[in-house]
N, C-alpha and C. Protein backbone atom coordinates (compact mmCIF):
# COMPACT_ATOMS: atom_id res chain seq x y z
N MET A 1 159.81 151.63 172.12
CA MET A 1 159.56 152.22 170.65
C MET A 1 158.49 151.66 170.60
N ALA A 2 157.77 152.43 169.98
CA ALA A 2 156.12 151.75 169.00
C ALA A 2 156.73 151.02 167.63
N GLU A 3 156.43 149.90 167.41
CA GLU A 3 156.22 149.42 166.39
C GLU A 3 154.96 149.49 165.24
N ILE A 4 155.37 150.03 164.46
CA ILE A 4 154.75 150.04 163.22
C ILE A 4 153.98 148.74 162.69
N ILE A 5 153.55 148.31 162.06
CA ILE A 5 152.92 147.03 161.37
C ILE A 5 151.82 147.60 160.25
N MET A 6 152.66 147.32 159.25
CA MET A 6 151.89 147.90 157.84
C MET A 6 151.07 146.82 156.98
N ILE A 7 150.21 146.85 157.01
CA ILE A 7 148.92 145.61 156.46
C ILE A 7 148.12 146.50 155.35
N GLN A 8 148.85 145.23 154.73
CA GLN A 8 148.96 145.46 152.72
C GLN A 8 147.44 145.30 152.77
N LYS A 9 147.00 146.50 151.85
CA LYS A 9 145.31 146.28 151.87
C LYS A 9 144.97 145.57 150.47
N GLN A 10 144.12 144.81 150.59
CA GLN A 10 143.44 144.12 149.35
C GLN A 10 142.75 144.98 148.13
N ARG A 11 143.26 145.75 147.03
CA ARG A 11 142.40 145.97 146.52
C ARG A 11 141.32 145.03 145.62
N ARG A 12 139.94 146.39 145.73
CA ARG A 12 138.72 145.56 145.29
C ARG A 12 138.80 145.34 143.80
N VAL A 13 137.91 144.13 143.63
CA VAL A 13 138.25 143.72 142.31
C VAL A 13 136.92 143.87 141.85
N ARG A 14 137.01 144.20 140.35
CA ARG A 14 135.62 144.70 139.80
C ARG A 14 135.75 143.79 138.59
N CYS A 15 134.33 143.20 138.12
CA CYS A 15 134.21 142.72 137.02
C CYS A 15 132.79 143.00 136.70
N SER A 16 132.58 143.08 135.51
CA SER A 16 131.32 142.97 134.53
C SER A 16 130.22 142.23 135.32
N ASN A 17 128.73 142.48 134.81
CA ASN A 17 127.73 141.42 134.87
C ASN A 17 128.25 140.55 133.75
N LYS A 18 128.50 141.03 132.77
CA LYS A 18 129.19 139.95 131.34
C LYS A 18 129.56 139.63 131.58
N GLU A 19 130.78 139.83 132.32
CA GLU A 19 132.29 138.91 132.24
C GLU A 19 131.36 137.53 133.92
N PHE A 20 130.82 138.20 135.00
CA PHE A 20 130.37 137.48 135.88
C PHE A 20 130.18 136.38 135.23
N LEU A 21 129.10 136.69 134.38
CA LEU A 21 127.79 135.40 133.81
C LEU A 21 128.58 134.76 132.83
N THR A 22 129.32 134.97 132.58
CA THR A 22 130.32 134.40 131.14
C THR A 22 130.61 133.18 132.35
N ALA A 23 131.53 133.68 132.97
CA ALA A 23 131.83 132.52 133.92
C ALA A 23 131.30 131.96 134.42
N VAL A 24 130.27 131.94 135.28
CA VAL A 24 129.12 131.30 135.56
C VAL A 24 128.75 129.99 134.99
N TYR A 25 128.57 130.89 133.52
CA TYR A 25 128.06 129.83 132.77
C TYR A 25 129.09 128.77 131.70
N SER A 26 130.37 129.00 131.96
CA SER A 26 131.53 128.09 131.89
C SER A 26 132.07 127.70 132.75
N SER A 27 131.17 127.57 134.35
CA SER A 27 132.13 126.82 135.36
C SER A 27 130.93 126.17 135.83
N LYS A 28 131.99 125.15 136.68
CA LYS A 28 130.88 124.23 137.29
C LYS A 28 130.97 124.56 139.26
N THR A 29 131.98 125.06 139.63
CA THR A 29 131.48 125.13 141.14
C THR A 29 132.26 127.16 141.38
N TYR A 30 132.04 127.67 141.81
CA TYR A 30 132.14 128.44 142.80
C TYR A 30 133.92 128.96 142.52
N THR A 31 134.72 128.02 143.16
CA THR A 31 136.17 128.52 142.68
C THR A 31 136.77 128.70 141.39
N GLU A 32 136.11 127.69 140.45
CA GLU A 32 136.10 128.22 138.94
C GLU A 32 135.71 129.82 138.69
N ILE A 33 134.74 130.12 139.06
CA ILE A 33 134.33 130.57 138.88
C ILE A 33 135.03 132.55 139.33
N ALA A 34 135.20 132.41 140.54
CA ALA A 34 136.29 133.17 141.24
C ALA A 34 137.64 133.59 140.68
N GLU A 35 138.28 132.34 140.21
CA GLU A 35 139.80 132.31 139.57
C GLU A 35 138.87 133.28 138.00
N LYS A 36 138.21 132.98 137.72
CA LYS A 36 137.80 133.70 136.08
C LYS A 36 137.51 134.90 136.00
N THR A 37 137.03 135.61 137.58
CA THR A 37 136.64 137.32 137.76
C THR A 37 138.09 137.36 138.29
N GLY A 38 138.45 137.01 138.96
CA GLY A 38 139.50 137.77 139.99
C GLY A 38 138.88 137.89 141.39
N GLN A 39 137.80 137.45 141.87
CA GLN A 39 137.48 137.87 142.80
C GLN A 39 137.43 136.79 144.02
N LYS A 40 137.34 137.85 144.95
CA LYS A 40 137.27 136.54 146.09
C LYS A 40 136.22 135.68 146.28
N LEU A 41 136.52 134.12 146.99
CA LEU A 41 135.48 133.37 146.50
C LEU A 41 134.21 133.76 147.23
N SER A 42 134.47 134.58 148.82
CA SER A 42 133.10 134.66 149.20
C SER A 42 132.39 135.67 148.76
N SER A 43 132.87 136.69 147.92
CA SER A 43 132.05 137.33 146.92
C SER A 43 131.24 136.79 145.55
N THR A 44 132.37 136.26 145.29
CA THR A 44 131.66 135.15 144.64
C THR A 44 130.88 134.32 144.31
N ILE A 45 130.79 133.93 146.03
CA ILE A 45 129.32 133.30 146.26
C ILE A 45 128.55 133.85 146.53
N ALA A 46 128.07 135.39 147.23
CA ALA A 46 127.44 136.13 147.74
C ALA A 46 126.86 136.79 146.38
N ARG A 47 127.84 136.90 145.55
CA ARG A 47 127.09 137.55 144.41
C ARG A 47 126.62 136.90 143.67
N TYR A 48 126.71 135.47 143.27
CA TYR A 48 126.24 134.69 142.60
C TYR A 48 124.74 134.04 143.03
N SER A 49 124.61 134.15 144.03
CA SER A 49 123.18 134.37 145.09
C SER A 49 122.08 135.49 144.89
N ARG A 50 123.00 136.59 144.87
CA ARG A 50 121.88 138.10 145.05
C ARG A 50 122.01 137.81 143.05
N THR A 51 122.51 137.42 142.14
CA THR A 51 122.03 137.18 140.86
C THR A 51 121.48 136.32 140.22
N LYS A 52 121.29 135.21 141.13
CA LYS A 52 120.26 133.97 141.12
C LYS A 52 118.88 134.53 141.14
N LYS A 53 118.90 134.65 142.88
CA LYS A 53 117.08 135.14 143.05
C LYS A 53 117.00 136.43 142.43
N LEU A 54 117.39 137.58 141.72
CA LEU A 54 116.97 138.68 141.17
C LEU A 54 116.41 138.22 139.49
N LEU A 55 117.34 137.31 139.03
CA LEU A 55 116.77 136.82 138.09
C LEU A 55 115.96 135.89 137.76
N SER A 56 115.60 135.03 139.05
CA SER A 56 114.59 134.04 138.86
C SER A 56 113.18 135.14 139.31
N GLU A 57 113.60 136.04 139.50
CA GLU A 57 112.53 136.62 140.20
C GLU A 57 111.70 137.37 138.77
N GLN A 58 112.79 137.42 137.46
CA GLN A 58 112.52 138.17 136.42
C GLN A 58 111.92 137.11 135.01
N GLY A 59 112.14 135.33 136.06
CA GLY A 59 111.52 134.43 134.94
C GLY A 59 112.86 133.65 134.71
N VAL A 60 113.93 134.60 134.80
CA VAL A 60 115.31 133.53 133.95
C VAL A 60 116.36 132.81 134.87
N ASP A 61 116.43 131.34 134.50
CA ASP A 61 117.23 130.50 135.09
C ASP A 61 118.81 130.54 134.93
N ILE A 62 120.12 130.65 135.65
CA ILE A 62 121.40 130.48 135.73
C ILE A 62 121.71 128.76 135.94
N PRO A 63 122.60 128.82 135.01
CA PRO A 63 123.32 126.90 136.09
C PRO A 63 122.93 126.96 137.31
N ASN A 64 123.04 125.82 138.40
CA ASN A 64 123.51 125.88 139.88
C ASN A 64 124.83 125.01 139.75
N ILE A 65 125.58 126.02 140.37
CA ILE A 65 126.67 125.68 140.72
C ILE A 65 127.26 124.49 141.85
N GLU A 66 128.04 123.87 142.13
CA GLU A 66 128.14 122.90 142.45
C GLU A 66 128.84 123.43 143.82
N GLN A 67 128.29 122.77 145.33
CA GLN A 67 128.72 123.34 146.06
C GLN A 67 129.84 122.13 146.70
N PRO A 68 131.43 122.34 147.13
CA PRO A 68 131.77 121.55 147.78
C PRO A 68 131.37 120.85 148.82
N ARG A 69 131.33 119.37 148.80
CA ARG A 69 130.72 118.63 149.99
C ARG A 69 132.54 118.37 150.86
N ILE A 70 131.42 118.40 151.96
CA ILE A 70 132.63 117.81 153.23
C ILE A 70 131.76 116.34 153.48
N SER A 71 133.41 115.59 152.87
CA SER A 71 133.08 113.92 153.15
C SER A 71 133.44 113.81 154.99
N LYS A 72 132.41 112.99 155.87
CA LYS A 72 132.72 112.65 156.75
C LYS A 72 132.80 111.08 157.14
N SER A 73 133.54 110.74 156.40
CA SER A 73 133.68 109.18 156.40
C SER A 73 134.45 108.45 157.57
N ARG A 74 134.68 109.96 158.46
CA ARG A 74 135.61 109.26 159.89
C ARG A 74 134.64 109.94 161.09
N ASN A 75 134.72 109.46 162.12
CA ASN A 75 134.55 110.59 163.36
C ASN A 75 135.67 111.08 163.58
N LYS A 76 135.66 112.18 164.63
CA LYS A 76 136.50 112.72 164.97
C LYS A 76 137.48 112.07 166.05
N VAL A 77 136.85 111.03 166.80
CA VAL A 77 136.95 110.09 168.34
C VAL A 77 138.28 109.41 167.59
N ASP A 78 137.82 109.00 166.16
CA ASP A 78 138.94 107.95 165.72
C ASP A 78 139.66 108.89 165.05
N ASP A 79 139.83 109.32 164.82
CA ASP A 79 141.18 110.78 164.11
C ASP A 79 142.15 110.85 165.30
N MET A 80 141.45 111.33 166.36
CA MET A 80 142.26 111.49 167.46
C MET A 80 142.71 110.41 168.47
N ILE A 81 142.24 109.56 168.18
CA ILE A 81 143.16 107.90 168.88
C ILE A 81 144.14 107.70 167.80
N GLU A 82 144.05 107.90 166.37
CA GLU A 82 145.18 107.85 165.71
C GLU A 82 145.87 108.79 166.12
N ILE A 83 145.73 109.85 165.85
CA ILE A 83 146.89 110.84 166.44
C ILE A 83 148.13 110.81 167.59
N VAL A 84 146.96 110.00 168.37
CA VAL A 84 147.77 109.53 169.94
C VAL A 84 148.27 108.47 169.35
N LYS A 85 147.82 107.81 168.92
CA LYS A 85 148.94 106.36 168.95
C LYS A 85 150.44 106.62 167.94
N LYS A 86 150.03 107.50 166.89
CA LYS A 86 151.33 107.78 166.12
C LYS A 86 152.11 108.43 166.96
N LEU A 87 151.90 109.97 167.75
CA LEU A 87 152.32 110.47 169.10
C LEU A 87 153.30 109.48 169.85
N LYS A 88 152.77 108.42 170.45
CA LYS A 88 152.77 107.08 171.00
C LYS A 88 154.40 106.89 170.67
N GLU A 89 154.51 106.16 169.41
CA GLU A 89 155.05 105.62 168.77
C GLU A 89 156.29 106.45 168.54
N HIS A 90 155.87 107.51 168.21
CA HIS A 90 156.87 108.30 167.74
C HIS A 90 158.54 108.97 169.40
N HIS A 91 157.46 109.22 170.35
CA HIS A 91 158.07 109.30 171.57
C HIS A 91 158.56 108.58 171.82
N LYS A 92 158.29 107.25 171.74
CA LYS A 92 158.73 105.99 172.70
C LYS A 92 160.42 106.05 171.89
N GLY A 93 160.52 106.35 170.76
CA GLY A 93 161.80 105.90 170.19
C GLY A 93 163.29 107.28 170.68
N VAL A 94 161.97 107.99 171.30
CA VAL A 94 163.53 109.82 171.26
C VAL A 94 163.85 109.40 173.16
C-alpha cells in the first residue's frame, strides 16, 4: 500500500514597499527585518539587495545592514580532538 505524505505548503507573505523600508530603517540586522515583515530571511536578504541597488542607481542611499559574522576562533581539528576526548571519557565508564 502506498503511503501518502502531505507536505504543508508555506504561505507566501507579501509586504508593501513602505512596510519593508520602514523595517529597514528601524532594524540593524536582516533577522530583525524578516521578523517585522513576516518574510523568510532569504527573501528579506534578496529583497534588500535588489532595493538597495535600485535606489542607489537613483542616487538614494538606504542604511547598511549588519551581516552576522562567523567567528573562527578555533580550527576544526581542535574541535574534533575535543570531541574524541569526551567520547573516550564517556565510553571508558560504560
